Every structure is written in structure tokens, then in C-alpha cells.
């Protein structure tokens, strides 16, 4: 009886994590092997004290810039936390891309990407994204692809380097975060802020 109980507990805890971590791994691509898509979805990763993108976020944005320069994406959707006037990830992300040669007209901002699930659902429901290259750190990419795929987006993903950070801590955090991602997918949790549909991305892609 004890063995069965322990086995059941392990299944409940480990099953969802394995589902999230391995469900979309076949969709991971290098920058060079990335397939063309209308949109690159760049997920937020914090800001420095001066309001500029963190090291990890810079690496994500650099990949988006490379994909745009290579003609593999037509638009870049930057999704991050702008929950206060003192923390505006999307604007900082846009400014970095513009400073590195991406035209403002190719960038769309999602100011309510408060977490991975919210960013993915809002990309689909609010911005109308149906195909995208998801860009985040390598340790985070399997979960991000899972969440975006379950939001309805046909995805591939490219992982940015996680060197120079507390990688072991972040990888450990992926365990509870993956369990939550599975729960969010099963329960179809709505984002903290959903709001009405926005046409900026559709207008950009249609040339309006």
C-alpha cells in the first residue's frame, strides 16, 4: 500500500513535469536552422537597474535581431512585464532592437506578458499569432514551447545561452514551473490581463 501511494505521488509530481519538458523538444532549432515564420516571440527576462535589458534578455533580443536580418521573421513581438511605471520590459526590448538596426515598424509590444503562460495566450488571443519562433533561454525553452503550443500557436523555438548566470538555480526552478505550466494548460487559465484584440501585428504583416 505504501509503495503504491509513493508511486502514485511520484507520478502526480513527475508526470506533468515530463509532459511539459519533452512535449515540444523536437521543435527546438538553432539560429542557422530556424525555419521561416511570420513572427518571433521574445519573452521578457528582467531589466538592469538603469532600465535596460538584462544580460539574458539581451541575448534573446540578439537572436530575434539575427532572425530578422536573415529574413526568417517579418515581425518581432516583444512580451514582458509592464505592471508598474518603473518596470517596462517591452519598451526596453523595443529600444534595444531599434538600437541594433531593427526598424520600429517591425516591432509590436505586449505590455502584459507577466509570465510565460500569459505571454503565449495573449500572443494567440490578443495579437492573433498562429505561427511563431519562440525565443528564450535554453533551459526555459521547452516550457515556453509547451505553453505556446497549448495556447494554439504552431511553434518552433531557439534558445539563447544561459552562460554567466545562476543556471543551476534556474534549472531547478523549472520543475515547479513546469508543473504549473501543465496545470495552466489543462485548466485553460486566463492571463492576468487579457483585454481586447489588438490589430498592430495584423496590420504590420498585411502591410497596412
N, C-alpha and C. Protein backbone atom coordinates (compact mmCIF):
# COMPACT_ATOMS: atom_id res chain seq x y z
N UNK A 1 0.83 -1.21 0.00
CA UNK A 1 0.00 0.00 0.00
C UNK A 1 0.87 1.26 0.00
N UNK A 2 1.90 1.25 0.82
CA UNK A 2 2.80 2.40 0.89
C UNK A 2 3.51 2.59 -0.44
N UNK A 3 3.94 1.47 -1.04
CA UNK A 3 4.64 1.54 -2.33
C UNK A 3 3.73 2.13 -3.40
N UNK A 4 2.47 1.67 -3.40
CA UNK A 4 1.52 2.20 -4.37
C UNK A 4 1.26 3.69 -4.17
N UNK A 5 1.17 4.09 -2.91
CA UNK A 5 0.94 5.51 -2.60
C UNK A 5 2.12 6.36 -3.05
N UNK A 6 3.33 5.88 -2.77
CA UNK A 6 4.53 6.62 -3.17
C UNK A 6 4.62 6.69 -4.69
N UNK A 7 4.31 5.57 -5.35
CA UNK A 7 4.36 5.54 -6.81
C UNK A 7 3.35 6.51 -7.41
N UNK A 8 2.17 6.55 -6.82
CA UNK A 8 1.14 7.47 -7.30
C UNK A 8 1.58 8.92 -7.10
N UNK A 9 2.20 9.19 -5.96
CA UNK A 9 2.67 10.55 -5.69
C UNK A 9 3.75 10.96 -6.68
N UNK A 10 4.67 10.05 -6.95
CA UNK A 10 5.74 10.34 -7.92
C UNK A 10 5.14 10.62 -9.29
N UNK A 11 4.14 9.82 -9.68
CA UNK A 11 3.50 10.02 -10.97
C UNK A 11 2.81 11.37 -11.05
N UNK A 12 2.13 11.74 -9.98
CA UNK A 12 1.43 13.03 -9.95
C UNK A 12 2.41 14.19 -10.04
N UNK A 13 3.55 14.05 -9.39
CA UNK A 13 4.53 15.14 -9.36
C UNK A 13 5.40 15.16 -10.62
N UNK A 14 5.86 13.98 -11.04
CA UNK A 14 6.82 13.90 -12.14
C UNK A 14 6.15 13.87 -13.51
N UNK A 15 4.95 13.29 -13.58
CA UNK A 15 4.28 13.17 -14.87
C UNK A 15 4.08 14.48 -15.59
N UNK A 16 3.47 15.48 -14.94
CA UNK A 16 3.27 16.77 -15.61
C UNK A 16 4.58 17.44 -16.01
N UNK A 17 5.61 17.30 -15.17
CA UNK A 17 6.91 17.91 -15.49
C UNK A 17 7.49 17.29 -16.75
N UNK A 18 7.44 15.95 -16.83
CA UNK A 18 7.95 15.26 -18.01
C UNK A 18 7.15 15.65 -19.25
N UNK A 19 5.85 15.76 -19.10
CA UNK A 19 4.98 16.16 -20.22
C UNK A 19 5.40 17.52 -20.76
N UNK A 20 5.61 18.46 -19.88
CA UNK A 20 5.98 19.81 -20.30
C UNK A 20 7.39 19.84 -20.90
N UNK A 21 8.31 19.16 -20.26
CA UNK A 21 9.71 19.25 -20.67
C UNK A 21 10.03 18.52 -21.97
N UNK A 22 9.25 17.51 -22.32
CA UNK A 22 9.59 16.71 -23.50
C UNK A 22 8.56 16.80 -24.63
N UNK A 23 7.45 17.46 -24.40
CA UNK A 23 6.38 17.50 -25.39
C UNK A 23 6.78 18.19 -26.69
N UNK A 24 7.57 19.24 -26.60
CA UNK A 24 7.89 20.05 -27.79
C UNK A 24 9.39 20.13 -28.08
N UNK A 25 10.20 19.27 -27.49
CA UNK A 25 11.65 19.37 -27.68
C UNK A 25 12.08 19.20 -29.14
N UNK A 26 11.31 18.45 -29.89
CA UNK A 26 11.65 18.25 -31.30
C UNK A 26 11.50 19.52 -32.12
N UNK A 27 10.90 20.54 -31.53
CA UNK A 27 10.68 21.81 -32.23
C UNK A 27 11.78 22.83 -31.99
N UNK A 28 12.83 22.44 -31.29
CA UNK A 28 13.93 23.36 -30.99
C UNK A 28 14.89 23.42 -32.18
N UNK A 29 15.28 24.62 -32.56
CA UNK A 29 16.17 24.84 -33.69
C UNK A 29 17.30 25.80 -33.30
N UNK A 30 18.42 25.69 -33.98
CA UNK A 30 19.48 26.68 -33.85
C UNK A 30 19.09 27.91 -34.68
N UNK A 31 19.82 29.00 -34.50
CA UNK A 31 19.56 30.19 -35.30
C UNK A 31 19.71 29.86 -36.78
N UNK A 32 20.76 29.11 -37.11
CA UNK A 32 21.04 28.79 -38.51
C UNK A 32 19.96 27.88 -39.12
N UNK A 33 19.43 26.98 -38.30
CA UNK A 33 18.45 26.01 -38.81
C UNK A 33 17.01 26.47 -38.62
N UNK A 34 16.82 27.65 -38.08
CA UNK A 34 15.46 28.14 -37.82
C UNK A 34 14.67 28.24 -39.11
N UNK A 35 13.42 27.80 -39.06
CA UNK A 35 12.53 27.87 -40.21
C UNK A 35 11.85 29.24 -40.24
N UNK A 36 11.54 29.69 -41.42
CA UNK A 36 10.91 30.99 -41.56
C UNK A 36 9.52 31.00 -40.90
N UNK A 37 9.19 32.11 -40.29
CA UNK A 37 7.89 32.28 -39.65
C UNK A 37 7.54 33.76 -39.70
N UNK A 38 6.27 34.06 -39.62
CA UNK A 38 5.87 35.47 -39.64
C UNK A 38 6.41 36.23 -38.44
N UNK A 39 6.43 35.57 -37.26
CA UNK A 39 6.66 36.28 -36.01
C UNK A 39 7.73 35.61 -35.16
N UNK A 40 8.57 36.42 -34.57
CA UNK A 40 9.45 35.97 -33.48
C UNK A 40 8.83 36.49 -32.19
N UNK A 41 8.56 35.59 -31.25
CA UNK A 41 8.01 35.97 -29.95
C UNK A 41 9.14 35.95 -28.94
N UNK A 42 9.52 37.13 -28.44
CA UNK A 42 10.61 37.23 -27.47
C UNK A 42 10.01 37.45 -26.09
N UNK A 43 10.33 36.54 -25.17
CA UNK A 43 9.80 36.61 -23.81
C UNK A 43 10.72 37.44 -22.92
N UNK A 44 10.13 38.20 -22.02
CA UNK A 44 10.90 39.09 -21.14
C UNK A 44 11.78 38.32 -20.17
N UNK A 45 12.83 39.00 -19.70
CA UNK A 45 13.77 38.35 -18.78
C UNK A 45 14.40 39.36 -17.83
N UNK A 46 13.67 40.38 -17.46
CA UNK A 46 14.17 41.31 -16.46
C UNK A 46 14.98 42.46 -17.02
N UNK A 47 15.13 43.49 -16.20
CA UNK A 47 15.86 44.69 -16.58
C UNK A 47 16.97 44.97 -15.58
N UNK A 48 17.98 45.70 -16.04
CA UNK A 48 19.01 46.20 -15.13
C UNK A 48 18.45 47.39 -14.35
N UNK A 49 19.22 47.85 -13.37
CA UNK A 49 18.74 48.96 -12.54
C UNK A 49 18.55 50.25 -13.35
N UNK A 50 19.25 50.36 -14.49
CA UNK A 50 19.08 51.56 -15.31
C UNK A 50 17.93 51.43 -16.31
N UNK A 51 17.21 50.31 -16.24
CA UNK A 51 16.06 50.12 -17.11
C UNK A 51 16.37 49.46 -18.43
N UNK A 52 17.62 49.11 -18.67
CA UNK A 52 17.99 48.43 -19.92
C UNK A 52 17.84 46.91 -19.75
N UNK A 53 17.76 46.18 -20.86
CA UNK A 53 17.57 44.73 -20.77
C UNK A 53 18.70 44.03 -20.01
N UNK A 54 18.35 43.01 -19.25
CA UNK A 54 19.33 42.20 -18.56
C UNK A 54 20.19 41.45 -19.57
N UNK A 55 21.27 40.83 -19.10
CA UNK A 55 22.15 40.07 -19.98
C UNK A 55 21.38 38.98 -20.72
N UNK A 56 20.57 38.23 -19.99
CA UNK A 56 19.80 37.16 -20.61
C UNK A 56 18.83 37.71 -21.64
N UNK A 57 18.21 38.82 -21.33
CA UNK A 57 17.25 39.41 -22.27
C UNK A 57 17.96 39.94 -23.51
N UNK A 58 19.13 40.53 -23.34
CA UNK A 58 19.91 40.98 -24.49
C UNK A 58 20.20 39.82 -25.44
N UNK A 59 20.52 38.67 -24.87
CA UNK A 59 20.82 37.50 -25.71
C UNK A 59 19.59 37.05 -26.48
N UNK A 60 18.44 37.12 -25.86
CA UNK A 60 17.20 36.76 -26.55
C UNK A 60 16.95 37.75 -27.70
N UNK A 61 17.10 39.03 -27.41
CA UNK A 61 16.86 40.06 -28.42
C UNK A 61 17.86 39.96 -29.56
N UNK A 62 19.08 39.57 -29.25
CA UNK A 62 20.10 39.42 -30.29
C UNK A 62 19.69 38.33 -31.28
N UNK A 63 19.12 37.24 -30.77
CA UNK A 63 18.65 36.18 -31.67
C UNK A 63 17.52 36.69 -32.55
N UNK A 64 16.59 37.43 -31.95
CA UNK A 64 15.49 37.99 -32.74
C UNK A 64 16.02 38.90 -33.84
N UNK A 65 17.02 39.71 -33.51
CA UNK A 65 17.62 40.61 -34.49
C UNK A 65 18.28 39.82 -35.62
N UNK A 66 18.97 38.73 -35.26
CA UNK A 66 19.61 37.89 -36.28
C UNK A 66 18.57 37.27 -37.21
N UNK A 67 17.49 36.77 -36.63
CA UNK A 67 16.45 36.15 -37.45
C UNK A 67 15.79 37.17 -38.37
N UNK A 68 15.59 38.38 -37.87
CA UNK A 68 15.00 39.43 -38.70
C UNK A 68 15.96 39.81 -39.83
N UNK A 69 17.22 39.99 -39.51
CA UNK A 69 18.21 40.36 -40.53
C UNK A 69 18.33 39.28 -41.60
N UNK A 70 18.15 38.02 -41.19
CA UNK A 70 18.25 36.91 -42.14
C UNK A 70 16.97 36.71 -42.94
N UNK A 71 15.95 37.51 -42.67
CA UNK A 71 14.69 37.40 -43.38
C UNK A 71 13.85 36.21 -42.96
N UNK A 72 14.13 35.67 -41.78
CA UNK A 72 13.39 34.49 -41.32
C UNK A 72 12.13 34.85 -40.54
N UNK A 73 12.03 36.10 -40.11
CA UNK A 73 10.79 36.59 -39.49
C UNK A 73 10.49 37.97 -40.04
N UNK A 74 9.21 38.29 -40.11
CA UNK A 74 8.79 39.60 -40.62
C UNK A 74 8.46 40.57 -39.50
N UNK A 75 8.16 40.04 -38.33
CA UNK A 75 7.77 40.88 -37.20
C UNK A 75 8.31 40.28 -35.92
N UNK A 76 8.53 41.14 -34.95
CA UNK A 76 9.00 40.71 -33.63
C UNK A 76 8.01 41.19 -32.58
N UNK A 77 7.43 40.24 -31.87
CA UNK A 77 6.52 40.56 -30.76
C UNK A 77 7.29 40.42 -29.46
N UNK A 78 7.48 41.54 -28.77
CA UNK A 78 8.21 41.52 -27.50
C UNK A 78 7.19 41.53 -26.37
N UNK A 79 7.26 40.52 -25.51
CA UNK A 79 6.24 40.35 -24.48
C UNK A 79 6.90 40.34 -23.11
N UNK A 80 6.49 41.27 -22.26
CA UNK A 80 7.11 41.35 -20.95
C UNK A 80 6.24 42.06 -19.94
N UNK A 81 6.84 42.29 -18.80
CA UNK A 81 6.14 42.84 -17.64
C UNK A 81 6.21 44.37 -17.66
N UNK A 82 5.05 44.99 -17.66
CA UNK A 82 4.96 46.44 -17.51
C UNK A 82 3.89 46.74 -16.46
N UNK A 83 3.99 46.01 -15.34
CA UNK A 83 2.96 46.12 -14.30
C UNK A 83 3.07 47.41 -13.50
N UNK A 84 4.21 48.09 -13.58
CA UNK A 84 4.35 49.40 -12.93
C UNK A 84 5.07 50.34 -13.89
N UNK A 85 4.99 51.64 -13.61
CA UNK A 85 5.66 52.63 -14.46
C UNK A 85 7.17 52.54 -14.31
N UNK A 86 7.63 51.85 -13.29
CA UNK A 86 9.06 51.74 -13.04
C UNK A 86 9.67 50.48 -13.64
N UNK A 87 8.84 49.64 -14.27
CA UNK A 87 9.35 48.39 -14.84
C UNK A 87 8.64 48.14 -16.16
N UNK A 88 9.30 48.52 -17.25
CA UNK A 88 8.69 48.44 -18.57
C UNK A 88 9.59 47.61 -19.50
N UNK A 89 9.43 46.31 -19.41
CA UNK A 89 10.26 45.42 -20.22
C UNK A 89 10.02 45.59 -21.73
N UNK A 90 8.77 45.62 -22.20
CA UNK A 90 8.57 45.70 -23.65
C UNK A 90 9.20 46.93 -24.30
N UNK A 91 9.08 48.08 -23.65
CA UNK A 91 9.69 49.28 -24.23
C UNK A 91 11.20 49.18 -24.27
N UNK A 92 11.80 48.65 -23.20
CA UNK A 92 13.25 48.46 -23.18
C UNK A 92 13.69 47.48 -24.25
N UNK A 93 12.88 46.45 -24.49
CA UNK A 93 13.18 45.47 -25.53
C UNK A 93 13.11 46.11 -26.91
N UNK A 94 12.07 46.89 -27.14
CA UNK A 94 11.96 47.59 -28.42
C UNK A 94 13.13 48.52 -28.65
N UNK A 95 13.49 49.30 -27.63
CA UNK A 95 14.58 50.27 -27.77
C UNK A 95 15.89 49.56 -28.10
N UNK A 96 16.14 48.40 -27.47
CA UNK A 96 17.37 47.65 -27.76
C UNK A 96 17.36 47.19 -29.21
N UNK A 97 16.25 46.66 -29.68
CA UNK A 97 16.18 46.18 -31.06
C UNK A 97 16.39 47.33 -32.05
N UNK A 98 15.75 48.46 -31.78
CA UNK A 98 15.91 49.61 -32.68
C UNK A 98 17.36 50.08 -32.70
N UNK A 99 18.00 50.10 -31.54
CA UNK A 99 19.41 50.49 -31.46
C UNK A 99 20.31 49.53 -32.22
N UNK A 100 19.83 48.31 -32.44
CA UNK A 100 20.62 47.30 -33.16
C UNK A 100 20.08 47.05 -34.56
N UNK A 101 19.39 48.03 -35.11
CA UNK A 101 19.08 48.01 -36.53
C UNK A 101 17.73 47.49 -36.95
N UNK A 102 16.89 47.07 -36.01
CA UNK A 102 15.56 46.59 -36.38
C UNK A 102 14.62 47.80 -36.45
N UNK A 103 13.91 47.97 -37.54
CA UNK A 103 13.02 49.14 -37.64
C UNK A 103 11.86 49.06 -36.65
N UNK A 104 11.50 50.20 -36.13
CA UNK A 104 10.37 50.26 -35.19
C UNK A 104 9.11 49.66 -35.78
N UNK A 105 8.95 49.83 -37.08
CA UNK A 105 7.74 49.35 -37.75
C UNK A 105 7.62 47.83 -37.73
N UNK A 106 8.69 47.12 -37.41
CA UNK A 106 8.66 45.65 -37.39
C UNK A 106 8.46 45.09 -35.99
N UNK A 107 8.26 45.97 -35.02
CA UNK A 107 8.19 45.54 -33.62
C UNK A 107 6.81 45.85 -33.04
N UNK A 108 6.25 44.87 -32.36
CA UNK A 108 4.97 45.04 -31.67
C UNK A 108 5.18 44.73 -30.20
N UNK A 109 4.56 45.53 -29.33
CA UNK A 109 4.77 45.39 -27.89
C UNK A 109 3.56 44.78 -27.19
N UNK A 110 3.83 43.78 -26.37
CA UNK A 110 2.81 43.24 -25.46
C UNK A 110 3.22 43.63 -24.04
N UNK A 111 2.47 44.53 -23.44
CA UNK A 111 2.83 45.06 -22.13
C UNK A 111 2.30 44.22 -20.97
N UNK A 112 1.62 43.13 -21.25
CA UNK A 112 1.03 42.33 -20.16
C UNK A 112 1.48 40.87 -20.20
N UNK A 113 2.69 40.65 -20.66
CA UNK A 113 3.26 39.30 -20.61
C UNK A 113 3.88 39.04 -19.26
N UNK A 114 3.05 38.85 -18.25
CA UNK A 114 3.53 38.77 -16.88
C UNK A 114 4.21 37.45 -16.56
N UNK A 115 3.90 36.41 -17.32
CA UNK A 115 4.62 35.16 -17.20
C UNK A 115 4.52 34.44 -18.54
N UNK A 116 5.14 33.27 -18.63
CA UNK A 116 5.22 32.56 -19.90
C UNK A 116 3.83 32.21 -20.42
N UNK A 117 2.99 31.67 -19.57
CA UNK A 117 1.64 31.30 -19.98
C UNK A 117 0.87 32.51 -20.48
N UNK A 118 0.94 33.60 -19.75
CA UNK A 118 0.24 34.82 -20.16
C UNK A 118 0.73 35.30 -21.53
N UNK A 119 2.04 35.30 -21.72
CA UNK A 119 2.61 35.76 -23.00
C UNK A 119 2.11 34.92 -24.16
N UNK A 120 2.07 33.61 -23.97
CA UNK A 120 1.65 32.71 -25.05
C UNK A 120 0.16 32.87 -25.35
N UNK A 121 -0.66 32.89 -24.32
CA UNK A 121 -2.10 33.02 -24.54
C UNK A 121 -2.43 34.37 -25.16
N UNK A 122 -1.80 35.43 -24.67
CA UNK A 122 -2.05 36.76 -25.22
C UNK A 122 -1.56 36.84 -26.67
N UNK A 123 -0.44 36.20 -26.98
CA UNK A 123 0.05 36.20 -28.37
C UNK A 123 -1.01 35.63 -29.30
N UNK A 124 -1.67 34.56 -28.86
CA UNK A 124 -2.70 33.92 -29.67
C UNK A 124 -4.01 34.69 -29.65
N UNK A 125 -4.51 35.00 -28.46
CA UNK A 125 -5.84 35.57 -28.31
C UNK A 125 -5.91 37.06 -28.63
N UNK A 126 -4.88 37.80 -28.20
CA UNK A 126 -4.92 39.26 -28.35
C UNK A 126 -4.26 39.72 -29.65
N UNK A 127 -3.13 39.10 -30.00
CA UNK A 127 -2.37 39.57 -31.17
C UNK A 127 -2.56 38.70 -32.41
N UNK A 128 -3.28 37.59 -32.28
CA UNK A 128 -3.59 36.78 -33.44
C UNK A 128 -2.44 35.96 -33.99
N UNK A 129 -1.43 35.67 -33.17
CA UNK A 129 -0.28 34.88 -33.63
C UNK A 129 -0.71 33.43 -33.83
N UNK A 130 -0.38 32.88 -35.00
CA UNK A 130 -0.70 31.48 -35.29
C UNK A 130 0.56 30.65 -35.54
N UNK A 131 1.62 31.30 -35.99
CA UNK A 131 2.90 30.64 -36.21
C UNK A 131 3.99 31.55 -35.64
N UNK A 132 4.93 30.98 -34.91
CA UNK A 132 5.96 31.82 -34.30
C UNK A 132 7.22 31.04 -33.97
N UNK A 133 8.32 31.76 -33.96
CA UNK A 133 9.57 31.26 -33.39
C UNK A 133 9.66 31.85 -31.99
N UNK A 134 9.67 31.01 -30.99
CA UNK A 134 9.73 31.48 -29.60
C UNK A 134 11.20 31.58 -29.19
N UNK A 135 11.55 32.69 -28.56
CA UNK A 135 12.94 32.93 -28.18
C UNK A 135 13.03 33.18 -26.68
N UNK A 136 13.82 32.36 -26.03
CA UNK A 136 14.06 32.49 -24.60
C UNK A 136 15.35 31.75 -24.27
N UNK A 137 15.71 31.65 -22.99
CA UNK A 137 16.93 30.92 -22.64
C UNK A 137 16.74 29.42 -22.86
N UNK A 138 17.84 28.72 -23.09
CA UNK A 138 17.79 27.30 -23.43
C UNK A 138 17.07 26.46 -22.36
N UNK A 139 17.30 26.75 -21.08
CA UNK A 139 16.67 25.97 -20.01
C UNK A 139 15.16 26.21 -19.94
N UNK A 140 14.72 27.36 -20.41
CA UNK A 140 13.32 27.77 -20.34
C UNK A 140 12.53 27.39 -21.59
N UNK A 141 13.25 27.10 -22.67
CA UNK A 141 12.61 26.93 -23.97
C UNK A 141 11.60 25.78 -24.03
N UNK A 142 11.89 24.58 -23.49
CA UNK A 142 10.88 23.51 -23.57
C UNK A 142 9.54 23.91 -22.95
N UNK A 143 9.58 24.58 -21.81
CA UNK A 143 8.33 25.01 -21.16
C UNK A 143 7.64 26.09 -21.98
N UNK A 144 8.40 27.02 -22.52
CA UNK A 144 7.80 28.08 -23.32
C UNK A 144 7.14 27.52 -24.57
N UNK A 145 7.78 26.57 -25.21
CA UNK A 145 7.19 25.94 -26.39
C UNK A 145 5.91 25.19 -26.03
N UNK A 146 5.95 24.49 -24.89
CA UNK A 146 4.76 23.78 -24.43
C UNK A 146 3.60 24.74 -24.23
N UNK A 147 3.84 25.82 -23.51
CA UNK A 147 2.76 26.77 -23.21
C UNK A 147 2.21 27.42 -24.47
N UNK A 148 3.09 27.78 -25.39
CA UNK A 148 2.63 28.42 -26.61
C UNK A 148 1.88 27.44 -27.51
N UNK A 149 2.37 26.20 -27.58
CA UNK A 149 1.68 25.19 -28.38
C UNK A 149 0.28 24.93 -27.83
N UNK A 150 0.16 24.87 -26.51
CA UNK A 150 -1.15 24.62 -25.91
C UNK A 150 -2.05 25.85 -25.95
N UNK A 151 -1.47 27.00 -26.22
CA UNK A 151 -2.29 28.20 -26.44
C UNK A 151 -2.86 28.21 -27.85
N UNK A 152 -2.33 27.35 -28.73
CA UNK A 152 -2.83 27.25 -30.10
C UNK A 152 -1.86 27.67 -31.17
N UNK A 153 -0.64 28.04 -30.79
CA UNK A 153 0.34 28.54 -31.75
C UNK A 153 1.20 27.38 -32.28
N UNK A 154 1.40 27.35 -33.59
CA UNK A 154 2.34 26.39 -34.17
C UNK A 154 3.73 26.98 -34.01
N UNK A 155 4.56 26.31 -33.22
CA UNK A 155 5.81 26.93 -32.80
C UNK A 155 7.04 26.10 -33.15
N UNK A 156 8.14 26.82 -33.35
CA UNK A 156 9.48 26.29 -33.18
C UNK A 156 10.14 27.24 -32.18
N UNK A 157 11.33 26.89 -31.73
CA UNK A 157 11.97 27.76 -30.74
C UNK A 157 13.47 27.75 -30.87
N UNK A 158 14.07 28.86 -30.49
CA UNK A 158 15.52 28.99 -30.49
C UNK A 158 15.96 29.46 -29.11
N UNK A 159 16.90 28.74 -28.52
CA UNK A 159 17.34 29.03 -27.17
C UNK A 159 18.57 29.91 -27.12
N UNK A 160 18.52 30.91 -26.26
CA UNK A 160 19.68 31.77 -26.03
C UNK A 160 20.56 31.17 -24.94
N UNK A 161 21.82 31.51 -24.97
CA UNK A 161 22.77 30.98 -23.99
C UNK A 161 22.40 31.40 -22.57
N UNK A 162 22.63 30.48 -21.63
CA UNK A 162 22.41 30.79 -20.21
C UNK A 162 23.72 30.87 -19.45
N UNK A 163 24.82 30.96 -20.17
CA UNK A 163 26.12 31.09 -19.51
C UNK A 163 26.21 32.42 -18.76
N UNK A 164 26.94 32.40 -17.66
CA UNK A 164 27.16 33.62 -16.90
C UNK A 164 26.09 33.93 -15.88
N UNK A 165 25.13 33.02 -15.71
CA UNK A 165 24.08 33.23 -14.72
C UNK A 165 24.02 32.06 -13.75
N UNK A 166 23.09 32.14 -12.83
CA UNK A 166 22.93 31.06 -11.85
C UNK A 166 22.05 29.98 -12.47
N UNK A 167 22.66 29.25 -13.42
CA UNK A 167 21.91 28.31 -14.25
C UNK A 167 21.29 27.19 -13.43
N UNK A 168 22.05 26.66 -12.47
CA UNK A 168 21.53 25.54 -11.68
C UNK A 168 20.25 25.95 -10.94
N UNK A 169 20.23 27.17 -10.44
CA UNK A 169 19.04 27.67 -9.75
C UNK A 169 17.85 27.77 -10.70
N UNK A 170 18.11 28.28 -11.90
CA UNK A 170 17.03 28.43 -12.88
C UNK A 170 16.52 27.07 -13.34
N UNK A 171 17.44 26.14 -13.55
CA UNK A 171 17.01 24.81 -13.99
C UNK A 171 16.18 24.13 -12.91
N UNK A 172 16.55 24.30 -11.67
CA UNK A 172 15.78 23.73 -10.58
C UNK A 172 14.40 24.35 -10.51
N UNK A 173 14.32 25.63 -10.78
CA UNK A 173 13.03 26.34 -10.76
C UNK A 173 12.10 25.84 -11.86
N UNK A 174 12.67 25.25 -12.91
CA UNK A 174 11.84 24.74 -13.99
C UNK A 174 10.95 23.58 -13.55
N UNK A 175 11.31 22.90 -12.47
CA UNK A 175 10.50 21.77 -12.02
C UNK A 175 9.12 22.23 -11.54
N UNK A 176 9.03 23.12 -10.54
CA UNK A 176 7.70 23.59 -10.15
C UNK A 176 7.04 24.42 -11.25
N UNK A 177 7.84 25.16 -12.01
CA UNK A 177 7.26 25.98 -13.08
C UNK A 177 6.64 25.10 -14.16
N UNK A 178 7.24 23.95 -14.41
CA UNK A 178 6.69 23.03 -15.41
C UNK A 178 5.39 22.42 -14.91
N UNK A 179 5.35 22.08 -13.64
CA UNK A 179 4.11 21.54 -13.07
C UNK A 179 2.99 22.57 -13.21
N UNK A 180 3.30 23.82 -12.92
CA UNK A 180 2.30 24.89 -13.04
C UNK A 180 1.89 25.08 -14.50
N UNK A 181 2.85 24.98 -15.42
CA UNK A 181 2.53 25.13 -16.83
C UNK A 181 1.55 24.06 -17.28
N UNK A 182 1.75 22.83 -16.80
CA UNK A 182 0.83 21.74 -17.12
C UNK A 182 -0.56 22.04 -16.57
N UNK A 183 -0.62 22.53 -15.34
CA UNK A 183 -1.89 22.86 -14.72
C UNK A 183 -2.59 23.99 -15.47
N UNK A 184 -1.83 25.01 -15.84
CA UNK A 184 -2.40 26.13 -16.59
C UNK A 184 -2.97 25.66 -17.93
N UNK A 185 -2.27 24.73 -18.58
CA UNK A 185 -2.73 24.23 -19.87
C UNK A 185 -4.01 23.42 -19.71
N UNK A 186 -4.05 22.56 -18.71
CA UNK A 186 -5.21 21.69 -18.50
C UNK A 186 -6.45 22.50 -18.10
N UNK A 187 -6.22 23.52 -17.27
CA UNK A 187 -7.34 24.32 -16.77
C UNK A 187 -7.68 25.50 -17.67
N UNK A 188 -6.86 25.71 -18.71
CA UNK A 188 -7.05 26.84 -19.63
C UNK A 188 -7.12 28.17 -18.86
N UNK A 189 -6.18 28.35 -17.97
CA UNK A 189 -6.16 29.56 -17.16
C UNK A 189 -6.08 30.81 -18.05
N UNK A 190 -6.90 31.79 -17.76
CA UNK A 190 -6.83 33.05 -18.49
C UNK A 190 -5.66 33.89 -17.96
N UNK A 191 -5.04 34.68 -18.82
CA UNK A 191 -3.98 35.57 -18.36
C UNK A 191 -4.49 36.55 -17.32
N UNK A 192 -3.58 37.10 -16.55
CA UNK A 192 -3.96 38.11 -15.56
C UNK A 192 -4.69 39.27 -16.24
N UNK A 193 -4.16 39.69 -17.40
CA UNK A 193 -4.81 40.72 -18.20
C UNK A 193 -4.99 40.18 -19.61
N UNK A 194 -6.21 39.99 -20.04
CA UNK A 194 -6.44 39.52 -21.40
C UNK A 194 -6.75 40.72 -22.29
N UNK A 195 -7.90 41.32 -22.07
CA UNK A 195 -8.22 42.52 -22.82
C UNK A 195 -8.67 42.23 -24.23
N UNK A 196 -8.97 43.29 -24.99
CA UNK A 196 -9.49 43.15 -26.36
C UNK A 196 -8.38 42.78 -27.34
N UNK A 197 -8.79 42.34 -28.51
CA UNK A 197 -7.83 42.04 -29.56
C UNK A 197 -7.15 43.32 -30.02
N UNK A 198 -5.88 43.19 -30.37
CA UNK A 198 -5.12 44.31 -30.89
C UNK A 198 -4.72 43.98 -32.33
N UNK A 199 -4.74 44.99 -33.19
CA UNK A 199 -4.53 44.77 -34.62
C UNK A 199 -3.13 45.15 -35.11
N UNK A 200 -2.27 45.62 -34.21
CA UNK A 200 -0.96 46.11 -34.64
C UNK A 200 -0.19 45.06 -35.44
N UNK A 201 -0.18 43.82 -34.95
CA UNK A 201 0.59 42.78 -35.62
C UNK A 201 -0.05 42.42 -36.96
N UNK A 202 -1.36 42.30 -37.00
CA UNK A 202 -2.04 42.00 -38.26
C UNK A 202 -1.79 43.11 -39.28
N UNK A 203 -1.84 44.35 -38.83
CA UNK A 203 -1.59 45.48 -39.73
C UNK A 203 -0.17 45.44 -40.27
N UNK A 204 0.78 45.10 -39.40
CA UNK A 204 2.18 45.02 -39.82
C UNK A 204 2.36 43.95 -40.88
N UNK A 205 1.81 42.78 -40.63
CA UNK A 205 2.01 41.65 -41.54
C UNK A 205 1.25 41.82 -42.85
N UNK A 206 0.15 42.55 -42.79
CA UNK A 206 -0.63 42.77 -44.01
C UNK A 206 -0.14 43.97 -44.81
N UNK A 207 0.78 44.74 -44.20
CA UNK A 207 1.31 45.90 -44.87
C UNK A 207 0.44 47.11 -44.78
N UNK A 208 -0.53 47.09 -43.84
CA UNK A 208 -1.44 48.23 -43.70
C UNK A 208 -0.75 49.42 -43.07
